[in-house]
Amino acid sequence: MRRLRADLHTHTAEDPRDRINYSAEMLIEAAGQLNIDALAITCHEAVVHWARLAEFAERRGVLLVPGVELSLEGKHVVVLNPDAEQASARTFGELRAMGCRNAAIIAPHPFYPTFHSLGRELVRNIDLFDGIECSSLYCRGADFNRRARRVAREFGIPLVGSSDTHGLPYCGSTFTWIEAEPNVAGVIEALREGRVSVDTRPLSLAQASVGATNAIRGIVKHLFGS
């Protein structure tokens, strides 16, 4: 096993919902320069993972983990290493009926003040989740991860640190250490067994402002398609 530095929730220009101006290759390059060992590109409703892209990442020392950010009944859920059926789920019941298979399921930014955050649906569907996200988008005095930490402790579910990157430069202020074999199956197994720990530091006010602006642009495109 190795101790892998991982970021398992990011977005790129291949995302059909969010307005993003950098490619998957550009994000992989940036992540590799910050010594990220495992990276999941989790675009909305689209799995951005193919052989040539995985090989591109491997040449830069990055393990590319397949992933997708689903909208289940209007709420966002990250599924890592989904099969085609899981990647097409649209309700919590559909995903639950499919079972975990070879995937790991993460609750992203569950209590952030956006309409697509899980909120109370996290606890209602807590049985689905292998991890709860500690998102990078916070600063001193404004941290919407606090409730996520409490729920993780209450239910004994690991916290997973992710950037939810929507813009470059890539920051890498929040990530996950994973004790795993350096392959996709190893990462999924480690997540489901809780061999993870979060490494995080608050953003500066300027960084948080940029991150919030990128997120708002994505929401505007999602709502109005422009």
C-alpha atoms as a PDB file:
ATOM      1  CA  MET A   1       0.000   0.000   0.000  1.00  0.00           C
ATOM      2  CA  ARG A   2       0.925   3.633  -0.486  1.00  0.00           C
ATOM      3  CA  ARG A   3      -0.162   6.859   1.130  1.00  0.00           C
ATOM      4  CA  LEU A   4      -1.868   8.657  -1.734  1.00  0.00           C
ATOM      5  CA  ARG A   5      -2.680  12.342  -1.862  1.00  0.00           C
ATOM      6  CA  ALA A   6      -6.091  12.506  -3.516  1.00  0.00           C
ATOM      7  CA  ASP A   7      -8.615  15.032  -4.759  1.00  0.00           C
ATOM      8  CA  LEU A   8     -11.847  13.244  -5.606  1.00  0.00           C
ATOM      9  CA  HIS A   9     -14.224  16.045  -6.619  1.00  0.00           C
ATOM     10  CA  THR A  10     -13.255  18.375  -9.483  1.00  0.00           C
ATOM     11  CA  HIS A  11     -14.756  19.809 -12.663  1.00  0.00           C
ATOM     12  CA  THR A  12     -13.414  20.628 -16.133  1.00  0.00           C
ATOM     13  CA  ALA A  13     -14.599  22.145 -19.422  1.00  0.00           C
ATOM     14  CA  GLU A  14     -16.091  18.776 -20.367  1.00  0.00           C
ATOM     15  CA  ASP A  15     -18.809  19.427 -17.773  1.00  0.00           C
ATOM     16  CA  PRO A  16     -22.182  19.824 -19.547  1.00  0.00           C
ATOM     17  CA  ARG A  17     -23.651  21.928 -16.718  1.00  0.00           C
ATOM     18  CA  ASP A  18     -20.950  24.305 -15.453  1.00  0.00           C
ATOM     19  CA  ARG A  19     -19.104  27.012 -17.374  1.00  0.00           C
ATOM     20  CA  ILE A  20     -15.410  26.111 -17.036  1.00  0.00           C
ATOM     21  CA  ASN A  21     -12.562  27.349 -19.228  1.00  0.00           C
ATOM     22  CA  TYR A  22      -9.888  24.675 -18.768  1.00  0.00           C
ATOM     23  CA  SER A  23      -9.674  21.126 -20.080  1.00  0.00           C
ATOM     24  CA  ALA A  24      -9.270  17.846 -18.256  1.00  0.00           C
ATOM     25  CA  GLU A  25      -5.662  17.734 -19.436  1.00  0.00           C
ATOM     26  CA  MET A  26      -4.974  21.175 -17.998  1.00  0.00           C
ATOM     27  CA  LEU A  27      -6.379  20.172 -14.601  1.00  0.00           C
ATOM     28  CA  ILE A  28      -4.360  16.955 -14.605  1.00  0.00           C
ATOM     29  CA  GLU A  29      -1.193  18.923 -15.382  1.00  0.00           C
ATOM     30  CA  ALA A  30      -1.914  21.340 -12.515  1.00  0.00           C
ATOM     31  CA  ALA A  31      -2.742  18.553 -10.059  1.00  0.00           C
ATOM     32  CA  GLY A  32       0.419  16.677 -10.965  1.00  0.00           C
ATOM     33  CA  GLN A  33       2.505  19.777 -10.304  1.00  0.00           C
ATOM     34  CA  LEU A  34       1.063  19.872  -6.766  1.00  0.00           C
ATOM     35  CA  ASN A  35       1.864  16.186  -6.219  1.00  0.00           C
ATOM     36  CA  ILE A  36      -1.711  14.920  -6.312  1.00  0.00           C
ATOM     37  CA  ASP A  37      -1.443  11.141  -6.687  1.00  0.00           C
ATOM     38  CA  ALA A  38      -5.114  10.356  -7.386  1.00  0.00           C
ATOM     39  CA  LEU A  39      -7.605  12.662  -9.097  1.00  0.00           C
ATOM     40  CA  ALA A  40     -11.287  12.228  -9.895  1.00  0.00           C
ATOM     41  CA  ILE A  41     -12.898  14.478 -12.488  1.00  0.00           C
ATOM     42  CA  THR A  42     -16.547  14.492 -11.443  1.00  0.00           C
ATOM     43  CA  CYS A  43     -18.460  16.502 -13.988  1.00  0.00           C
ATOM     44  CA  HIS A  44     -22.222  16.815 -13.708  1.00  0.00           C
ATOM     45  CA  GLU A  45     -24.000  13.865 -15.332  1.00  0.00           C
ATOM     46  CA  ALA A  46     -20.872  12.992 -17.354  1.00  0.00           C
ATOM     47  CA  VAL A  47     -18.025  10.562 -16.678  1.00  0.00           C
ATOM     48  CA  VAL A  48     -14.833  12.177 -18.000  1.00  0.00           C
ATOM     49  CA  HIS A  49     -12.576   9.132 -18.193  1.00  0.00           C
ATOM     50  CA  TRP A  50     -11.170   7.312 -21.203  1.00  0.00           C
ATOM     51  CA  ALA A  51      -8.035   5.310 -21.915  1.00  0.00           C
ATOM     52  CA  ARG A  52      -5.983   8.099 -23.523  1.00  0.00           C
ATOM     53  CA  LEU A  53      -6.849  10.524 -20.727  1.00  0.00           C
ATOM     54  CA  ALA A  54      -5.927   7.970 -18.058  1.00  0.00           C
ATOM     55  CA  GLU A  55      -2.623   7.369 -19.853  1.00  0.00           C
ATOM     56  CA  PHE A  56      -2.021  11.125 -20.055  1.00  0.00           C
ATOM     57  CA  ALA A  57      -2.555  11.325 -16.285  1.00  0.00           C
ATOM     58  CA  GLU A  58      -0.343   8.306 -15.593  1.00  0.00           C
ATOM     59  CA  ARG A  59       2.564   9.913 -17.448  1.00  0.00           C
ATOM     60  CA  ARG A  60       2.267  12.819 -15.020  1.00  0.00           C
ATOM     61  CA  GLY A  61       2.185  10.599 -11.957  1.00  0.00           C
ATOM     62  CA  VAL A  62      -1.571  10.940 -11.446  1.00  0.00           C
ATOM     63  CA  LEU A  63      -4.043   8.067 -11.079  1.00  0.00           C
ATOM     64  CA  LEU A  64      -7.262   9.142 -12.805  1.00  0.00           C
ATOM     65  CA  VAL A  65     -10.292   7.791 -10.929  1.00  0.00           C
ATOM     66  CA  PRO A  66     -13.588   7.669 -12.868  1.00  0.00           C
ATOM     67  CA  GLY A  67     -16.316   9.754 -11.299  1.00  0.00           C
ATOM     68  CA  VAL A  68     -19.510  11.710 -11.804  1.00  0.00           C
ATOM     69  CA  GLU A  69     -21.553  14.239  -9.869  1.00  0.00           C
ATOM     70  CA  LEU A  70     -25.161  13.121 -10.155  1.00  0.00           C
ATOM     71  CA  SER A  71     -28.307  15.109  -9.501  1.00  0.00           C
ATOM     72  CA  LEU A  72     -30.587  12.864  -7.456  1.00  0.00           C
ATOM     73  CA  GLU A  73     -33.971  14.483  -6.984  1.00  0.00           C
ATOM     74  CA  GLY A  74     -32.215  17.823  -7.462  1.00  0.00           C
ATOM     75  CA  LYS A  75     -29.438  17.107  -4.925  1.00  0.00           C
ATOM     76  CA  HIS A  76     -25.789  16.510  -5.800  1.00  0.00           C
ATOM     77  CA  VAL A  77     -24.098  13.182  -5.068  1.00  0.00           C
ATOM     78  CA  VAL A  78     -20.594  12.150  -6.180  1.00  0.00           C
ATOM     79  CA  VAL A  79     -20.157   8.557  -7.350  1.00  0.00           C
ATOM     80  CA  LEU A  80     -16.608   7.322  -7.875  1.00  0.00           C
ATOM     81  CA  ASN A  81     -15.968   4.486 -10.333  1.00  0.00           C
ATOM     82  CA  PRO A  82     -19.633   4.153 -11.332  1.00  0.00           C
ATOM     83  CA  ASP A  83     -20.846   1.689 -13.908  1.00  0.00           C
ATOM     84  CA  ALA A  84     -23.113   2.943 -16.683  1.00  0.00           C
ATOM     85  CA  GLU A  85     -26.293   2.154 -14.762  1.00  0.00           C
ATOM     86  CA  GLN A  86     -25.143   3.947 -11.622  1.00  0.00           C
ATOM     87  CA  ALA A  87     -24.047   6.947 -13.676  1.00  0.00           C
ATOM     88  CA  SER A  88     -27.590   7.265 -15.033  1.00  0.00           C
ATOM     89  CA  ALA A  89     -29.386   7.189 -11.650  1.00  0.00           C
ATOM     90  CA  ARG A  90     -31.759  10.081 -11.019  1.00  0.00           C
ATOM     91  CA  THR A  91     -33.259   9.247  -7.613  1.00  0.00           C
ATOM     92  CA  PHE A  92     -31.909   8.091  -4.265  1.00  0.00           C
ATOM     93  CA  GLY A  93     -34.094   5.004  -4.559  1.00  0.00           C
ATOM     94  CA  GLU A  94     -32.626   4.069  -7.944  1.00  0.00           C
ATOM     95  CA  LEU A  95     -29.058   4.347  -6.688  1.00  0.00           C
ATOM     96  CA  ARG A  96     -29.886   2.440  -3.482  1.00  0.00           C
ATOM     97  CA  ALA A  97     -31.504  -0.395  -5.440  1.00  0.00           C
ATOM     98  CA  MET A  98     -28.380  -0.785  -7.591  1.00  0.00           C
ATOM     99  CA  GLY A  99     -26.117  -1.299  -4.570  1.00  0.00           C
ATOM    100  CA  CYS A 100     -22.527  -0.141  -4.242  1.00  0.00           C
ATOM    101  CA  ARG A 101     -21.051  -2.577  -6.815  1.00  0.00           C
ATOM    102  CA  ASN A 102     -17.497  -1.314  -7.504  1.00  0.00           C
ATOM    103  CA  ALA A 103     -18.221   2.292  -6.607  1.00  0.00           C
ATOM    104  CA  ALA A 104     -17.857   4.603  -3.629  1.00  0.00           C
ATOM    105  CA  ILE A 105     -20.465   7.283  -2.932  1.00  0.00           C
ATOM    106  CA  ILE A 106     -19.588  10.678  -1.452  1.00  0.00           C
ATOM    107  CA  ALA A 107     -21.856  13.431  -0.099  1.00  0.00           C
ATOM    108  CA  PRO A 108     -20.429  16.652  -1.599  1.00  0.00           C
ATOM    109  CA  HIS A 109     -20.686  20.036   0.180  1.00  0.00           C
ATOM    110  CA  PRO A 110     -23.792  18.743   1.999  1.00  0.00           C
ATOM    111  CA  PHE A 111     -24.618  21.841   4.040  1.00  0.00           C
ATOM    112  CA  TYR A 112     -23.431  24.639   1.779  1.00  0.00           C
ATOM    113  CA  PRO A 113     -26.145  27.246   1.117  1.00  0.00           C
ATOM    114  CA  THR A 114     -27.070  26.143  -2.407  1.00  0.00           C
ATOM    115  CA  PHE A 115     -30.271  24.554  -3.684  1.00  0.00           C
ATOM    116  CA  HIS A 116     -28.432  21.429  -4.871  1.00  0.00           C
ATOM    117  CA  SER A 117     -26.646  20.646  -1.575  1.00  0.00           C
ATOM    118  CA  LEU A 118     -28.029  17.606   0.237  1.00  0.00           C
ATOM    119  CA  GLY A 119     -29.040  19.314   3.469  1.00  0.00           C
ATOM    120  CA  ARG A 120     -31.458  17.116   5.400  1.00  0.00           C
ATOM    121  CA  GLU A 121     -31.389  14.536   2.585  1.00  0.00           C
ATOM    122  CA  LEU A 122     -27.934  13.510   3.808  1.00  0.00           C
ATOM    123  CA  VAL A 123     -29.263  12.013   7.045  1.00  0.00           C
ATOM    124  CA  ARG A 124     -32.390  10.671   5.349  1.00  0.00           C
ATOM    125  CA  ASN A 125     -30.167   8.723   2.939  1.00  0.00           C
ATOM    126  CA  ILE A 126     -27.139   8.229   5.172  1.00  0.00           C
ATOM    127  CA  ASP A 127     -26.986   4.503   4.339  1.00  0.00           C
ATOM    128  CA  LEU A 128     -25.886   5.354   0.788  1.00  0.00           C
ATOM    129  CA  PHE A 129     -22.693   7.168   1.666  1.00  0.00           C
ATOM    130  CA  ASP A 130     -19.122   5.951   2.087  1.00  0.00           C
ATOM    131  CA  GLY A 131     -17.798   9.453   2.790  1.00  0.00           C
ATOM    132  CA  ILE A 132     -18.897  12.995   3.582  1.00  0.00           C
ATOM    133  CA  GLU A 133     -17.043  15.845   1.935  1.00  0.00           C
ATOM    134  CA  CYS A 134     -15.057  18.541   3.643  1.00  0.00           C
ATOM    135  CA  SER A 135     -14.987  21.107   0.845  1.00  0.00           C
ATOM    136  CA  SER A 136     -12.085  23.454   0.183  1.00  0.00           C
ATOM    137  CA  LEU A 137     -14.355  26.469  -0.253  1.00  0.00           C
ATOM    138  CA  TYR A 138     -14.170  28.032   3.197  1.00  0.00           C
ATOM    139  CA  CYS A 139     -12.187  30.630   5.060  1.00  0.00           C
ATOM    140  CA  ARG A 140     -11.718  31.652   8.677  1.00  0.00           C
ATOM    141  CA  GLY A 141     -15.062  32.740  10.087  1.00  0.00           C
ATOM    142  CA  ALA A 142     -17.081  31.193   7.230  1.00  0.00           C
ATOM    143  CA  ASP A 143     -16.967  27.400   7.212  1.00  0.00           C
ATOM    144  CA  PHE A 144     -20.008  25.477   6.002  1.00  0.00           C
ATOM    145  CA  ASN A 145     -18.192  22.186   6.685  1.00  0.00           C
ATOM    146  CA  ARG A 146     -18.883  22.300  10.431  1.00  0.00           C
ATOM    147  CA  ARG A 147     -22.218  20.484  10.273  1.00  0.00           C
ATOM    148  CA  ALA A 148     -20.767  17.925   7.856  1.00  0.00           C
ATOM    149  CA  ARG A 149     -18.091  17.129  10.430  1.00  0.00           C
ATOM    150  CA  ARG A 150     -20.740  16.656  13.132  1.00  0.00           C
ATOM    151  CA  VAL A 151     -22.812  14.309  10.972  1.00  0.00           C
ATOM    152  CA  ALA A 152     -19.708  12.325  10.015  1.00  0.00           C
ATOM    153  CA  ARG A 153     -18.846  11.841  13.691  1.00  0.00           C
ATOM    154  CA  GLU A 154     -22.437  10.975  14.635  1.00  0.00           C
ATOM    155  CA  PHE A 155     -22.791   8.247  12.008  1.00  0.00           C
ATOM    156  CA  GLY A 156     -19.172   7.061  11.910  1.00  0.00           C
ATOM    157  CA  ILE A 157     -18.680   7.962   8.257  1.00  0.00           C
ATOM    158  CA  PRO A 158     -15.249   9.178   7.108  1.00  0.00           C
ATOM    159  CA  LEU A 159     -14.646  12.740   6.025  1.00  0.00           C
ATOM    160  CA  VAL A 160     -13.172  13.152   2.546  1.00  0.00           C
ATOM    161  CA  GLY A 161     -11.331  16.352   1.649  1.00  0.00           C
ATOM    162  CA  SER A 162     -11.956  17.651  -1.880  1.00  0.00           C
ATOM    163  CA  SER A 163     -11.366  20.849  -3.825  1.00  0.00           C
ATOM    164  CA  ASP A 164     -14.559  20.918  -5.952  1.00  0.00           C
ATOM    165  CA  THR A 165     -12.331  22.822  -8.366  1.00  0.00           C
ATOM    166  CA  HIS A 166     -14.143  25.047 -10.882  1.00  0.00           C
ATOM    167  CA  GLY A 167     -11.245  27.326 -11.804  1.00  0.00           C
ATOM    168  CA  LEU A 168      -7.499  27.591 -12.214  1.00  0.00           C
ATOM    169  CA  PRO A 169      -4.984  28.128 -10.727  1.00  0.00           C
ATOM    170  CA  TYR A 170      -5.476  24.850  -8.920  1.00  0.00           C
ATOM    171  CA  CYS A 171      -5.107  25.400  -5.187  1.00  0.00           C
ATOM    172  CA  GLY A 172      -4.865  22.009  -3.458  1.00  0.00           C
ATOM    173  CA  SER A 173      -5.638  23.501  -0.034  1.00  0.00           C
ATOM    174  CA  THR A 174      -7.932  20.598   0.882  1.00  0.00           C
ATOM    175  CA  PHE A 175      -7.353  16.973  -0.067  1.00  0.00           C
ATOM    176  CA  THR A 176      -7.537  13.410   1.255  1.00  0.00           C
ATOM    177  CA  TRP A 177      -4.760  11.079   2.331  1.00  0.00           C
ATOM    178  CA  ILE A 178      -5.673   7.519   1.314  1.00  0.00           C
ATOM    179  CA  GLU A 179      -3.890   4.354   2.408  1.00  0.00           C
ATOM    180  CA  ALA A 180      -4.379   2.247  -0.709  1.00  0.00           C
ATOM    181  CA  GLU A 181      -2.930   0.268  -3.536  1.00  0.00           C
ATOM    182  CA  PRO A 182      -2.217   2.787  -6.319  1.00  0.00           C
ATOM    183  CA  ASN A 183      -5.039   1.739  -8.617  1.00  0.00           C
ATOM    184  CA  VAL A 184      -8.728   2.541  -8.956  1.00  0.00           C
ATOM    185  CA  ALA A 185      -9.928  -0.599  -7.174  1.00  0.00           C
ATOM    186  CA  GLY A 186      -7.501   0.073  -4.324  1.00  0.00           C
ATOM    187  CA  VAL A 187      -8.738   3.651  -3.899  1.00  0.00           C
ATOM    188  CA  ILE A 188     -12.393   2.565  -3.850  1.00  0.00           C
ATOM    189  CA  GLU A 189     -11.665  -0.194  -1.343  1.00  0.00           C
ATOM    190  CA  ALA A 190      -9.795   2.216   0.937  1.00  0.00           C
ATOM    191  CA  LEU A 191     -12.634   4.741   0.827  1.00  0.00           C
ATOM    192  CA  ARG A 192     -15.217   2.131   1.700  1.00  0.00           C
ATOM    193  CA  GLU A 193     -13.055   0.817   4.535  1.00  0.00           C
ATOM    194  CA  GLY A 194     -12.349   4.298   5.889  1.00  0.00           C
ATOM    195  CA  ARG A 195      -8.579   4.331   5.366  1.00  0.00           C
ATOM    196  CA  VAL A 196      -8.666   8.074   4.758  1.00  0.00           C
ATOM    197  CA  SER A 197      -7.864  11.336   6.508  1.00  0.00           C
ATOM    198  CA  VAL A 198      -8.469  14.961   5.568  1.00  0.00           C
ATOM    199  CA  ASP A 199      -5.702  17.517   5.119  1.00  0.00           C
ATOM    200  CA  THR A 200      -7.134  21.022   4.928  1.00  0.00           C
ATOM    201  CA  ARG A 201      -6.387  24.667   5.502  1.00  0.00           C
ATOM    202  CA  PRO A 202      -8.725  27.635   5.076  1.00  0.00           C
ATOM    203  CA  LEU A 203      -8.544  29.741   1.957  1.00  0.00           C
ATOM    204  CA  SER A 204      -7.603  33.374   2.114  1.00  0.00           C
ATOM    205  CA  LEU A 205     -10.500  35.759   1.658  1.00  0.00           C
ATOM    206  CA  ALA A 206      -9.318  36.490  -1.898  1.00  0.00           C
ATOM    207  CA  GLN A 207      -9.127  32.774  -2.766  1.00  0.00           C
ATOM    208  CA  ALA A 208     -12.547  32.115  -1.248  1.00  0.00           C
ATOM    209  CA  SER A 209     -14.015  35.010  -3.262  1.00  0.00           C
ATOM    210  CA  VAL A 210     -12.645  33.569  -6.497  1.00  0.00           C
ATOM    211  CA  GLY A 211     -13.977  30.126  -5.605  1.00  0.00           C
ATOM    212  CA  ALA A 212     -17.405  31.508  -4.771  1.00  0.00           C
ATOM    213  CA  THR A 213     -17.492  33.452  -8.042  1.00  0.00           C
ATOM    214  CA  ASN A 214     -16.669  30.330 -10.052  1.00  0.00           C
ATOM    215  CA  ALA A 215     -19.378  28.379  -8.200  1.00  0.00           C
ATOM    216  CA  ILE A 216     -21.970  31.124  -8.810  1.00  0.00           C
ATOM    217  CA  ARG A 217     -21.154  31.158 -12.530  1.00  0.00           C
ATOM    218  CA  GLY A 218     -21.792  27.423 -12.627  1.00  0.00           C
ATOM    219  CA  ILE A 219     -25.130  27.835 -10.852  1.00  0.00           C
ATOM    220  CA  VAL A 220     -26.178  30.597 -13.259  1.00  0.00           C
ATOM    221  CA  LYS A 221     -25.406  28.404 -16.254  1.00  0.00           C
ATOM    222  CA  HIS A 222     -27.273  25.498 -14.637  1.00  0.00           C
ATOM    223  CA  LEU A 223     -30.354  27.689 -14.091  1.00  0.00           C
ATOM    224  CA  PHE A 224     -30.377  29.787 -17.254  1.00  0.00           C
ATOM    225  CA  GLY A 225     -28.167  27.933 -19.723  1.00  0.00           C
ATOM    226  CA  SER A 226     -26.002  30.953 -20.553  1.00  0.00           C
END
